[in-house]
PDB file of N, CA and C in Angstrom:
ATOM      1  N   MET A   1     130.228  44.529 144.097  1.00  0.00           N
ATOM      2  CA  MET A   1     131.035  45.555 143.683  1.00  0.00           C
ATOM      3  C   MET A   1     130.411  46.874 143.864  1.00  0.00           C
ATOM      4  N   PRO A   2     130.954  47.793 144.327  1.00  0.00           N
ATOM      5  CA  PRO A   2     130.178  49.180 144.392  1.00  0.00           C
ATOM      6  C   PRO A   2     130.242  49.850 143.084  1.00  0.00           C
ATOM      7  N   HIS A   3     129.460  50.952 142.886  1.00  0.00           N
ATOM      8  CA  HIS A   3     129.358  51.649 141.594  1.00  0.00           C
ATOM      9  C   HIS A   3     130.698  52.212 141.390  1.00  0.00           C
ATOM     10  N   VAL A   4     131.123  52.172 140.114  1.00  0.00           N
ATOM     11  CA  VAL A   4     132.498  52.550 139.545  1.00  0.00           C
ATOM     12  C   VAL A   4     132.210  53.608 138.559  1.00  0.00           C
ATOM     13  N   GLU A   5     132.834  54.985 138.776  1.00  0.00           N
ATOM     14  CA  GLU A   5     132.707  55.725 137.736  1.00  0.00           C
ATOM     15  C   GLU A   5     133.705  55.632 136.571  1.00  0.00           C
ATOM     16  N   ARG A   6     133.299  55.976 135.406  1.00  0.00           N
ATOM     17  CA  ARG A   6     134.286  55.992 134.199  1.00  0.00           C
ATOM     18  C   ARG A   6     133.814  57.092 133.305  1.00  0.00           C
ATOM     19  N   GLU A   7     134.721  57.490 132.475  1.00  0.00           N
ATOM     20  CA  GLU A   7     134.679  58.755 131.744  1.00  0.00           C
ATOM     21  C   GLU A   7     133.617  58.780 130.639  1.00  0.00           C
ATOM     22  N   SER A   8     133.230  57.627 130.260  1.00  0.00           N
ATOM     23  CA  SER A   8     132.307  57.495 129.224  1.00  0.00           C
ATOM     24  C   SER A   8     131.683  55.931 129.154  1.00  0.00           C
ATOM     25  N   ARG A   9     130.681  55.882 128.258  1.00  0.00           N
ATOM     26  CA  ARG A   9     130.076  54.417 128.157  1.00  0.00           C
ATOM     27  C   ARG A   9     130.935  53.473 127.690  1.00  0.00           C
ATOM     28  N   GLY A  10     131.869  54.046 126.628  1.00  0.00           N
ATOM     29  CA  GLY A  10     132.862  53.219 126.062  1.00  0.00           C
ATOM     30  C   GLY A  10     133.967  52.808 127.203  1.00  0.00           C
ATOM     31  N   GLY A  11     134.377  53.656 128.037  1.00  0.00           N
ATOM     32  CA  GLY A  11     135.133  53.497 129.160  1.00  0.00           C
ATOM     33  C   GLY A  11     134.598  52.379 130.126  1.00  0.00           C
ATOM     34  N   ALA A  12     133.344  52.393 130.313  1.00  0.00           N
ATOM     35  CA  ALA A  12     132.676  51.567 131.235  1.00  0.00           C
ATOM     36  C   ALA A  12     132.747  50.233 130.657  1.00  0.00           C
ATOM     37  N   THR A  13     132.563  50.113 129.288  1.00  0.00           N
ATOM     38  CA  THR A  13     132.583  48.841 128.595  1.00  0.00           C
ATOM     39  C   THR A  13     134.003  48.226 128.699  1.00  0.00           C
ATOM     40  N   CYS A  14     134.993  48.957 128.444  1.00  0.00           N
ATOM     41  CA  CYS A  14     136.441  48.594 128.571  1.00  0.00           C
ATOM     42  C   CYS A  14     136.697  48.135 129.979  1.00  0.00           C
ATOM     43  N   PHE A  15     136.296  48.913 130.893  1.00  0.00           N
ATOM     44  CA  PHE A  15     136.466  48.275 132.325  1.00  0.00           C
ATOM     45  C   PHE A  15     135.867  47.064 132.681  1.00  0.00           C
ATOM     46  N   LEU A  16     134.575  46.979 132.050  1.00  0.00           N
ATOM     47  CA  LEU A  16     133.853  45.688 132.317  1.00  0.00           C
ATOM     48  C   LEU A  16     134.681  44.511 131.821  1.00  0.00           C
ATOM     49  N   ALA A  17     135.215  44.719 130.621  1.00  0.00           N
ATOM     50  CA  ALA A  17     136.075  43.589 129.848  1.00  0.00           C
ATOM     51  C   ALA A  17     137.237  43.236 130.689  1.00  0.00           C
ATOM     52  N   GLU A  18     137.843  44.273 131.198  1.00  0.00           N
ATOM     53  CA  GLU A  18     139.066  44.086 132.058  1.00  0.00           C
ATOM     54  C   GLU A  18     138.810  43.374 133.263  1.00  0.00           C
ATOM     55  N   GLN A  19     137.634  43.465 133.874  1.00  0.00           N
ATOM     56  CA  GLN A  19     137.338  42.777 135.049  1.00  0.00           C
ATOM     57  C   GLN A  19     137.124  41.320 134.960  1.00  0.00           C
ATOM     58  N   ASN A  20     136.556  41.018 133.708  1.00  0.00           N
ATOM     59  CA  ASN A  20     136.322  39.611 133.448  1.00  0.00           C
ATOM     60  C   ASN A  20     135.507  38.685 134.636  1.00  0.00           C
ATOM     61  N   SER A  21     134.452  39.436 135.052  1.00  0.00           N
ATOM     62  CA  SER A  21     133.548  38.886 136.074  1.00  0.00           C
ATOM     63  C   SER A  21     132.131  38.869 135.650  1.00  0.00           C
ATOM     64  N   PRO A  22     131.626  37.671 135.833  1.00  0.00           N
ATOM     65  CA  PRO A  22     129.975  37.571 135.381  1.00  0.00           C
ATOM     66  C   PRO A  22     129.222  38.281 136.354  1.00  0.00           C
ATOM     67  N   SER A  23     129.703  38.780 137.510  1.00  0.00           N
ATOM     68  CA  SER A  23     128.660  39.402 138.490  1.00  0.00           C
ATOM     69  C   SER A  23     128.842  40.891 138.392  1.00  0.00           C
ATOM     70  N   ILE A  24     129.252  41.470 137.339  1.00  0.00           N
ATOM     71  CA  ILE A  24     129.142  42.914 137.070  1.00  0.00           C
ATOM     72  C   ILE A  24     128.702  43.261 135.763  1.00  0.00           C
ATOM     73  N   ALA A  25     128.116  44.465 135.562  1.00  0.00           N
ATOM     74  CA  ALA A  25     127.515  44.804 134.159  1.00  0.00           C
ATOM     75  C   ALA A  25     127.792  46.291 134.129  1.00  0.00           C
ATOM     76  N   ALA A  26     127.584  46.724 132.697  1.00  0.00           N
ATOM     77  CA  ALA A  26     127.773  48.160 132.439  1.00  0.00           C
ATOM     78  C   ALA A  26     126.833  48.543 131.550  1.00  0.00           C
ATOM     79  N   CYS A  27     126.413  49.894 131.440  1.00  0.00           N
ATOM     80  CA  CYS A  27     125.558  50.314 130.289  1.00  0.00           C
ATOM     81  C   CYS A  27     126.621  50.894 129.158  1.00  0.00           C
ATOM     82  N   GLY A  28     126.627  50.230 128.157  1.00  0.00           N
ATOM     83  CA  GLY A  28     127.717  50.703 127.149  1.00  0.00           C
ATOM     84  C   GLY A  28     127.063  50.589 125.739  1.00  0.00           C
ATOM     85  N   PRO A  29     127.954  51.007 124.743  1.00  0.00           N
ATOM     86  CA  PRO A  29     127.500  50.795 123.341  1.00  0.00           C
ATOM     87  C   PRO A  29     127.590  49.406 122.939  1.00  0.00           C
ATOM     88  N   ALA A  30     126.781  48.971 121.942  1.00  0.00           N
ATOM     89  CA  ALA A  30     126.880  47.519 121.300  1.00  0.00           C
ATOM     90  C   ALA A  30     128.157  47.264 120.712  1.00  0.00           C
ATOM     91  N   LEU A  31     128.845  48.363 120.023  1.00  0.00           N
ATOM     92  CA  LEU A  31     130.212  48.388 119.604  1.00  0.00           C
ATOM     93  C   LEU A  31     131.125  47.713 120.452  1.00  0.00           C
ATOM     94  N   GLY A  32     131.116  48.287 121.666  1.00  0.00           N
ATOM     95  CA  GLY A  32     131.851  47.913 122.717  1.00  0.00           C
ATOM     96  C   GLY A  32     131.820  46.427 123.197  1.00  0.00           C
ATOM     97  N   ALA A  33     130.549  45.881 123.108  1.00  0.00           N
ATOM     98  CA  ALA A  33     130.339  44.569 123.492  1.00  0.00           C
ATOM     99  C   ALA A  33     130.947  43.703 122.348  1.00  0.00           C
ATOM    100  N   GLU A  34     130.837  44.253 121.107  1.00  0.00           N
ATOM    101  CA  GLU A  34     131.375  43.389 120.060  1.00  0.00           C
ATOM    102  C   GLU A  34     132.931  43.322 120.169  1.00  0.00           C
ATOM    103  N   LEU A  35     133.664  44.486 120.392  1.00  0.00           N
ATOM    104  CA  LEU A  35     135.019  44.724 120.429  1.00  0.00           C
ATOM    105  C   LEU A  35     135.547  43.792 121.512  1.00  0.00           C
ATOM    106  N   TYR A  36     134.862  43.763 122.676  1.00  0.00           N
ATOM    107  CA  TYR A  36     135.475  43.132 123.855  1.00  0.00           C
ATOM    108  C   TYR A  36     134.854  41.741 124.094  1.00  0.00           C
ATOM    109  N   ASN A  37     134.022  41.360 123.121  1.00  0.00           N
ATOM    110  CA  ASN A  37     133.539  39.967 123.182  1.00  0.00           C
ATOM    111  C   ASN A  37     132.563  39.711 124.436  1.00  0.00           C
ATOM    112  N   LEU A  38     131.886  40.835 124.832  1.00  0.00           N
ATOM    113  CA  LEU A  38     130.848  40.796 126.053  1.00  0.00           C
ATOM    114  C   LEU A  38     129.452  40.340 125.550  1.00  0.00           C
ATOM    115  N   GLN A  39     128.786  39.930 126.511  1.00  0.00           N
ATOM    116  CA  GLN A  39     127.381  39.438 126.272  1.00  0.00           C
ATOM    117  C   GLN A  39     126.472  40.568 126.502  1.00  0.00           C
ATOM    118  N   ILE A  40     125.643  40.905 125.485  1.00  0.00           N
ATOM    119  CA  ILE A  40     124.624  41.890 125.860  1.00  0.00           C
ATOM    120  C   ILE A  40     123.393  41.379 126.436  1.00  0.00           C
ATOM    121  N   LEU A  41     123.133  41.861 127.695  1.00  0.00           N
ATOM    122  CA  LEU A  41     122.059  41.360 128.408  1.00  0.00           C
ATOM    123  C   LEU A  41     120.653  41.963 128.043  1.00  0.00           C
ATOM    124  N   ARG A  42     120.667  43.198 127.595  1.00  0.00           N
ATOM    125  CA  ARG A  42     119.534  43.815 127.333  1.00  0.00           C
ATOM    126  C   ARG A  42     119.841  44.890 126.162  1.00  0.00           C
ATOM    127  N   ALA A  43     119.268  44.947 124.942  1.00  0.00           N
ATOM    128  CA  ALA A  43     119.503  45.946 124.073  1.00  0.00           C
ATOM    129  C   ALA A  43     118.424  47.085 123.973  1.00  0.00           C
ATOM    130  N   GLY A  44     118.678  48.056 123.545  1.00  0.00           N
ATOM    131  CA  GLY A  44     117.686  49.164 123.256  1.00  0.00           C
ATOM    132  C   GLY A  44     117.208  49.695 124.587  1.00  0.00           C
ATOM    133  N   ILE A  45     117.904  49.906 125.732  1.00  0.00           N
ATOM    134  CA  ILE A  45     117.292  50.304 126.815  1.00  0.00           C
ATOM    135  C   ILE A  45     117.177  51.855 126.813  1.00  0.00           C
ATOM    136  N   GLU A  46     117.698  52.533 125.778  1.00  0.00           N
ATOM    137  CA  GLU A  46     117.601  53.919 125.679  1.00  0.00           C
ATOM    138  C   GLU A  46     116.295  54.281 124.779  1.00  0.00           C
ATOM    139  N   GLU A  47     115.606  53.400 124.338  1.00  0.00           N
ATOM    140  CA  GLU A  47     114.425  53.580 123.500  1.00  0.00           C
ATOM    141  C   GLU A  47     113.117  53.243 124.348  1.00  0.00           C
ATOM    142  N   GLY A  48     112.028  53.711 123.831  1.00  0.00           N
ATOM    143  CA  GLY A  48     110.808  53.388 124.271  1.00  0.00           C
ATOM    144  C   GLY A  48     110.151  54.195 125.225  1.00  0.00           C
ATOM    145  N   LEU A  49     108.832  53.905 125.514  1.00  0.00           N
ATOM    146  CA  LEU A  49     107.885  54.791 126.328  1.00  0.00           C
ATOM    147  C   LEU A  49     108.383  54.856 127.684  1.00  0.00           C
ATOM    148  N   HIS A  50     108.998  53.656 128.153  1.00  0.00           N
ATOM    149  CA  HIS A  50     109.435  53.790 129.609  1.00  0.00           C
ATOM    150  C   HIS A  50     110.564  54.801 130.020  1.00  0.00           C
ATOM    151  N   ASN A  51     111.212  55.279 128.991  1.00  0.00           N
ATOM    152  CA  ASN A  51     112.412  56.178 129.132  1.00  0.00           C
ATOM    153  C   ASN A  51     112.158  57.548 128.891  1.00  0.00           C
ATOM    154  N   VAL A  52     111.803  58.443 129.950  1.00  0.00           N
ATOM    155  CA  VAL A  52     111.512  59.667 129.747  1.00  0.00           C
ATOM    156  C   VAL A  52     112.680  60.699 130.339  1.00  0.00           C
ATOM    157  N   GLU A  53     113.967  60.134 130.557  1.00  0.00           N
ATOM    158  CA  GLU A  53     115.206  60.720 130.873  1.00  0.00           C
ATOM    159  C   GLU A  53     116.277  60.446 130.107  1.00  0.00           C
ATOM    160  N   ARG A  54     117.185  61.393 129.999  1.00  0.00           N
ATOM    161  CA  ARG A  54     118.310  61.078 129.237  1.00  0.00           C
ATOM    162  C   ARG A  54     119.452  61.294 130.254  1.00  0.00           C
ATOM    163  N   TRP A  55     120.810  60.968 129.547  1.00  0.00           N
ATOM    164  CA  TRP A  55     121.873  60.624 130.364  1.00  0.00           C
ATOM    165  C   TRP A  55     122.351  61.904 131.241  1.00  0.00           C
ATOM    166  N   TRP A  56     122.068  61.956 132.400  1.00  0.00           N
ATOM    167  CA  TRP A  56     122.618  62.994 133.352  1.00  0.00           C
ATOM    168  C   TRP A  56     123.705  62.238 134.277  1.00  0.00           C
ATOM    169  N   VAL A  57     124.784  62.809 134.308  1.00  0.00           N
ATOM    170  CA  VAL A  57     126.005  62.290 135.249  1.00  0.00           C
ATOM    171  C   VAL A  57     126.015  63.528 136.389  1.00  0.00           C
ATOM    172  N   LEU A  58     125.710  62.889 137.601  1.00  0.00           N
ATOM    173  CA  LEU A  58     125.943  63.705 138.702  1.00  0.00           C
ATOM    174  C   LEU A  58     126.948  63.236 139.658  1.00  0.00           C
ATOM    175  N   GLY A  59     127.749  63.962 140.240  1.00  0.00           N
ATOM    176  CA  GLY A  59     128.811  63.519 141.197  1.00  0.00           C
ATOM    177  C   GLY A  59     129.495  64.644 141.792  1.00  0.00           C
ATOM    178  N   ARG A  60     130.344  64.284 142.555  1.00  0.00           N
ATOM    179  CA  ARG A  60     131.290  65.273 143.256  1.00  0.00           C
ATOM    180  C   ARG A  60     132.585  65.424 142.742  1.00  0.00           C
ATOM    181  N   ARG A  61     132.937  64.501 141.827  1.00  0.00           N
ATOM    182  CA  ARG A  61     134.189  64.698 141.049  1.00  0.00           C
ATOM    183  C   ARG A  61     134.023  64.541 139.539  1.00  0.00           C
ATOM    184  N   SER A  62     134.731  65.138 138.694  1.00  0.00           N
ATOM    185  CA  SER A  62     134.703  65.091 137.339  1.00  0.00           C
ATOM    186  C   SER A  62     135.980  64.426 136.764  1.00  0.00           C
ATOM    187  N   PRO A  63     135.824  63.665 135.641  1.00  0.00           N
ATOM    188  CA  PRO A  63     137.037  63.009 135.242  1.00  0.00           C
ATOM    189  C   PRO A  63     137.985  64.132 134.686  1.00  0.00           C
ATOM    190  N   ALA A  64     139.272  63.905 134.689  1.00  0.00           N
ATOM    191  CA  ALA A  64     140.281  64.858 134.118  1.00  0.00           C
ATOM    192  C   ALA A  64     140.050  65.090 132.609  1.00  0.00           C
ATOM    193  N   PRO A  65     140.155  66.245 132.169  1.00  0.00           N
ATOM    194  CA  PRO A  65     140.079  66.583 130.686  1.00  0.00           C
ATOM    195  C   PRO A  65     140.894  65.639 129.792  1.00  0.00           C
ATOM    196  N   THR A  66     140.422  65.231 128.605  1.00  0.00           N
ATOM    197  CA  THR A  66     141.163  64.388 127.795  1.00  0.00           C
ATOM    198  C   THR A  66     141.618  65.233 126.582  1.00  0.00           C
ATOM    199  N   GLY A  67     141.074  66.429 126.441  1.00  0.00           N
ATOM    200  CA  GLY A  67     141.590  67.363 125.255  1.00  0.00           C
ATOM    201  C   GLY A  67     140.714  66.974 124.038  1.00  0.00           C
ATOM    202  N   PHE A  68     139.875  65.996 124.152  1.00  0.00           N
ATOM    203  CA  PHE A  68     138.993  65.694 123.062  1.00  0.00           C
ATOM    204  C   PHE A  68     137.432  65.717 123.624  1.00  0.00           C
ATOM    205  N   ASP A  69     137.217  66.427 124.726  1.00  0.00           N
ATOM    206  CA  ASP A  69     135.931  66.393 125.478  1.00  0.00           C
ATOM    207  C   ASP A  69     134.985  67.327 124.592  1.00  0.00           C
ATOM    208  N   ARG A  70     133.763  67.033 124.736  1.00  0.00           N
ATOM    209  CA  ARG A  70     132.632  67.674 124.117  1.00  0.00           C
ATOM    210  C   ARG A  70     131.486  67.801 125.127  1.00  0.00           C
ATOM    211  N   THR A  71     130.712  68.709 125.154  1.00  0.00           N
ATOM    212  CA  THR A  71     129.552  68.892 126.005  1.00  0.00           C
ATOM    213  C   THR A  71     128.376  69.086 124.952  1.00  0.00           C
ATOM    214  N   LYS A  72     127.305  68.379 125.365  1.00  0.00           N
ATOM    215  CA  LYS A  72     126.084  68.476 124.660  1.00  0.00           C
ATOM    216  C   LYS A  72     125.035  69.238 125.559  1.00  0.00           C
ATOM    217  N   LEU A  73     124.404  70.137 124.908  1.00  0.00           N
ATOM    218  CA  LEU A  73     123.536  71.221 125.580  1.00  0.00           C
ATOM    219  C   LEU A  73     122.208  71.196 124.864  1.00  0.00           C
ATOM    220  N   HIS A  74     121.105  70.851 125.621  1.00  0.00           N
ATOM    221  CA  HIS A  74     119.923  70.987 124.924  1.00  0.00           C
ATOM    222  C   HIS A  74     119.158  72.296 125.559  1.00  0.00           C
ATOM    223  N   LEU A  75     118.726  72.999 124.522  1.00  0.00           N
ATOM    224  CA  LEU A  75     118.039  74.228 124.804  1.00  0.00           C
ATOM    225  C   LEU A  75     116.660  74.249 124.399  1.00  0.00           C
ATOM    226  N   ARG A  76     115.599  74.788 125.075  1.00  0.00           N
ATOM    227  CA  ARG A  76     114.433  74.928 124.596  1.00  0.00           C
ATOM    228  C   ARG A  76     114.158  76.410 124.440  1.00  0.00           C
ATOM    229  N   VAL A  77     114.292  76.937 123.208  1.00  0.00           N
ATOM    230  CA  VAL A  77     114.261  78.226 122.776  1.00  0.00           C
ATOM    231  C   VAL A  77     113.604  78.468 121.553  1.00  0.00           C
ATOM    232  N   SER A  78     113.032  79.442 121.194  1.00  0.00           N
ATOM    233  CA  SER A  78     112.309  79.781 119.942  1.00  0.00           C
ATOM    234  C   SER A  78     113.401  80.128 118.858  1.00  0.00           C
ATOM    235  N   GLU A  79     112.954  79.977 117.676  1.00  0.00           N
ATOM    236  CA  GLU A  79     113.902  80.423 116.675  1.00  0.00           C
ATOM    237  C   GLU A  79     114.407  81.809 116.760  1.00  0.00           C
ATOM    238  N   GLN A  80     113.517  82.761 117.156  1.00  0.00           N
ATOM    239  CA  GLN A  80     113.878  84.140 117.357  1.00  0.00           C
ATOM    240  C   GLN A  80     114.971  84.298 118.403  1.00  0.00           C
ATOM    241  N   ASN A  81     114.827  83.647 119.446  1.00  0.00           N
ATOM    242  CA  ASN A  81     115.649  83.734 120.698  1.00  0.00           C
ATOM    243  C   ASN A  81     117.009  83.060 120.376  1.00  0.00           C
ATOM    244  N   LEU A  82     116.994  82.049 119.508  1.00  0.00           N
ATOM    245  CA  LEU A  82     118.229  81.381 119.338  1.00  0.00           C
ATOM    246  C   LEU A  82     119.361  82.325 118.695  1.00  0.00           C
ATOM    247  N   SER A  83     118.788  83.322 118.001  1.00  0.00           N
ATOM    248  CA  SER A  83     119.800  84.261 117.461  1.00  0.00           C
ATOM    249  C   SER A  83     120.389  85.118 118.480  1.00  0.00           C
ATOM    250  N   CYS A  84     119.798  85.134 119.712  1.00  0.00           N
ATOM    251  CA  CYS A  84     120.387  85.864 120.767  1.00  0.00           C
ATOM    252  C   CYS A  84     121.328  84.998 121.745  1.00  0.00           C
ATOM    253  N   VAL A  85     120.920  83.790 121.629  1.00  0.00           N
ATOM    254  CA  VAL A  85     121.689  82.755 122.585  1.00  0.00           C
ATOM    255  C   VAL A  85     123.273  82.436 121.993  1.00  0.00           C
ATOM    256  N   LEU A  86     123.114  82.223 120.581  1.00  0.00           N
ATOM    257  CA  LEU A  86     124.407  81.805 120.079  1.00  0.00           C
ATOM    258  C   LEU A  86     125.535  82.821 120.239  1.00  0.00           C
ATOM    259  N   PRO A  87     125.443  84.053 120.038  1.00  0.00           N
ATOM    260  CA  PRO A  87     126.540  84.907 120.349  1.00  0.00           C
ATOM    261  C   PRO A  87     127.259  84.775 121.685  1.00  0.00           C
ATOM    262  N   ARG A  88     126.481  84.333 122.666  1.00  0.00           N
ATOM    263  CA  ARG A  88     126.978  84.227 124.071  1.00  0.00           C
ATOM    264  C   ARG A  88     128.082  83.221 124.089  1.00  0.00           C
ATOM    265  N   PHE A  89     127.990  82.055 123.292  1.00  0.00           N
ATOM    266  CA  PHE A  89     128.904  81.044 123.170  1.00  0.00           C
ATOM    267  C   PHE A  89     130.178  81.629 122.595  1.00  0.00           C
ATOM    268  N   SER A  90     130.144  82.391 121.662  1.00  0.00           N
ATOM    269  CA  SER A  90     131.205  82.907 120.856  1.00  0.00           C
ATOM    270  C   SER A  90     132.024  83.870 121.793  1.00  0.00           C
ATOM    271  N   LYS A  91     131.181  84.679 122.605  1.00  0.00           N
ATOM    272  CA  LYS A  91     131.772  85.623 123.592  1.00  0.00           C
ATOM    273  C   LYS A  91     132.677  85.002 124.589  1.00  0.00           C
ATOM    274  N   HIS A  92     132.378  83.764 124.945  1.00  0.00           N
ATOM    275  CA  HIS A  92     133.193  82.967 125.861  1.00  0.00           C
ATOM    276  C   HIS A  92     134.145  81.841 125.318  1.00  0.00           C
ATOM    277  N   ASN A  93     134.463  81.992 123.868  1.00  0.00           N
ATOM    278  CA  ASN A  93     135.186  81.290 123.174  1.00  0.00           C
ATOM    279  C   ASN A  93     134.952  79.750 123.135  1.00  0.00           C
ATOM    280  N   LEU A  94     133.591  79.545 123.073  1.00  0.00           N
ATOM    281  CA  LEU A  94     132.985  78.250 122.968  1.00  0.00           C
ATOM    282  C   LEU A  94     132.505  78.049 121.617  1.00  0.00           C
ATOM    283  N   ALA A  95     133.090  76.836 120.980  1.00  0.00           N
ATOM    284  CA  ALA A  95     132.711  76.491 119.706  1.00  0.00           C
ATOM    285  C   ALA A  95     131.453  75.677 119.596  1.00  0.00           C
ATOM    286  N   VAL A  96     130.481  76.020 118.822  1.00  0.00           N
ATOM    287  CA  VAL A  96     129.218  75.259 118.611  1.00  0.00           C
ATOM    288  C   VAL A  96     129.396  74.462 117.341  1.00  0.00           C
ATOM    289  N   LEU A  97     129.509  73.200 117.533  1.00  0.00           N
ATOM    290  CA  LEU A  97     129.805  72.282 116.270  1.00  0.00           C
ATOM    291  C   LEU A  97     128.479  71.871 115.618  1.00  0.00           C
ATOM    292  N   ASN A  98     127.364  71.675 116.233  1.00  0.00           N
ATOM    293  CA  ASN A  98     126.123  71.371 115.585  1.00  0.00           C
ATOM    294  C   ASN A  98     124.942  72.057 116.336  1.00  0.00           C
ATOM    295  N   VAL A  99     123.950  72.208 115.527  1.00  0.00           N
ATOM    296  CA  VAL A  99     122.822  72.700 116.012  1.00  0.00           C
ATOM    297  C   VAL A  99     121.608  71.893 115.329  1.00  0.00           C
ATOM    298  N   TYR A 100     120.795  71.266 116.177  1.00  0.00           N
ATOM    299  CA  TYR A 100     119.720  70.471 115.718  1.00  0.00           C
ATOM    300  C   TYR A 100     118.457  71.057 116.077  1.00  0.00           C
ATOM    301  N   GLN A 101     117.475  70.922 115.210  1.00  0.00           N
ATOM    302  CA  GLN A 101     116.124  71.239 115.555  1.00  0.00           C
ATOM    303  C   GLN A 101     115.359  69.938 115.844  1.00  0.00           C
ATOM    304  N   ARG A 102     114.546  69.828 117.020  1.00  0.00           N
ATOM    305  CA  ARG A 102     113.788  68.731 117.145  1.00  0.00           C
ATOM    306  C   ARG A 102     112.478  69.145 117.756  1.00  0.00           C
ATOM    307  N   PRO A 103     111.337  68.191 117.330  1.00  0.00           N
ATOM    308  CA  PRO A 103     109.987  68.710 117.781  1.00  0.00           C
ATOM    309  C   PRO A 103     110.024  68.689 119.291  1.00  0.00           C
ATOM    310  N   ILE A 104     109.102  69.471 119.847  1.00  0.00           N
ATOM    311  CA  ILE A 104     108.906  69.622 121.291  1.00  0.00           C
ATOM    312  C   ILE A 104     107.705  68.731 121.682  1.00  0.00           C
ATOM    313  N   CYS A 105     108.087  67.795 122.741  1.00  0.00           N
ATOM    314  CA  CYS A 105     106.945  66.991 123.252  1.00  0.00           C
ATOM    315  C   CYS A 105     107.129  67.177 124.795  1.00  0.00           C
ATOM    316  N   GLU A 106     106.053  67.153 125.413  1.00  0.00           N
ATOM    317  CA  GLU A 106     106.101  67.209 126.922  1.00  0.00           C
ATOM    318  C   GLU A 106     106.780  66.050 127.469  1.00  0.00           C
ATOM    319  N   LEU A 107     106.635  64.867 127.038  1.00  0.00           N
ATOM    320  CA  LEU A 107     107.424  63.691 127.362  1.00  0.00           C
ATOM    321  C   LEU A 107     107.990  63.116 126.133  1.00  0.00           C
ATOM    322  N   LEU A 108     109.239  62.609 126.261  1.00  0.00           N
ATOM    323  CA  LEU A 108     109.783  61.939 125.029  1.00  0.00           C
ATOM    324  C   LEU A 108     108.989  60.671 124.538  1.00  0.00           C
ATOM    325  N   ASP A 109     108.944  60.446 123.296  1.00  0.00           N
ATOM    326  CA  ASP A 109     108.109  59.425 122.846  1.00  0.00           C
ATOM    327  C   ASP A 109     106.762  59.558 122.855  1.00  0.00           C
ATOM    328  N   SER A 110     106.270  60.732 123.297  1.00  0.00           N
ATOM    329  CA  SER A 110     104.770  61.059 123.206  1.00  0.00           C
ATOM    330  C   SER A 110     104.545  61.684 121.688  1.00  0.00           C
ATOM    331  N   HIS A 111     103.353  61.606 121.295  1.00  0.00           N
ATOM    332  CA  HIS A 111     103.074  62.228 120.085  1.00  0.00           C
ATOM    333  C   HIS A 111     101.964  63.364 120.292  1.00  0.00           C
ATOM    334  N   GLN A 112     102.356  64.603 119.901  1.00  0.00           N
ATOM    335  CA  GLN A 112     101.580  65.568 120.071  1.00  0.00           C
ATOM    336  C   GLN A 112     101.489  66.333 118.749  1.00  0.00           C
TER     337      GLN A 112
END
């Protein structure tokens, strides 16, 4: 089966359950496996030293808006410059729901 795009990891899990085929797999949440009675082949693939990338979705088409869509944006900016960045979101009527501060590492899972 060729690569099939879905709107989310949960959507991929639902699609997998609908296919009912042992020859296909999806990257999805553990809760999805529980809800659809799916076998987990490997847990925790998002953790560990081997994973230095995070979820990027690249493609020529985007799924249609659902009305509940959110975008996560990671910025590397000093505390001083953050106060300059935030008003730009407001200027374009974009709501900022959460701001998290994280330690900076050159590679994820490295300790500096």
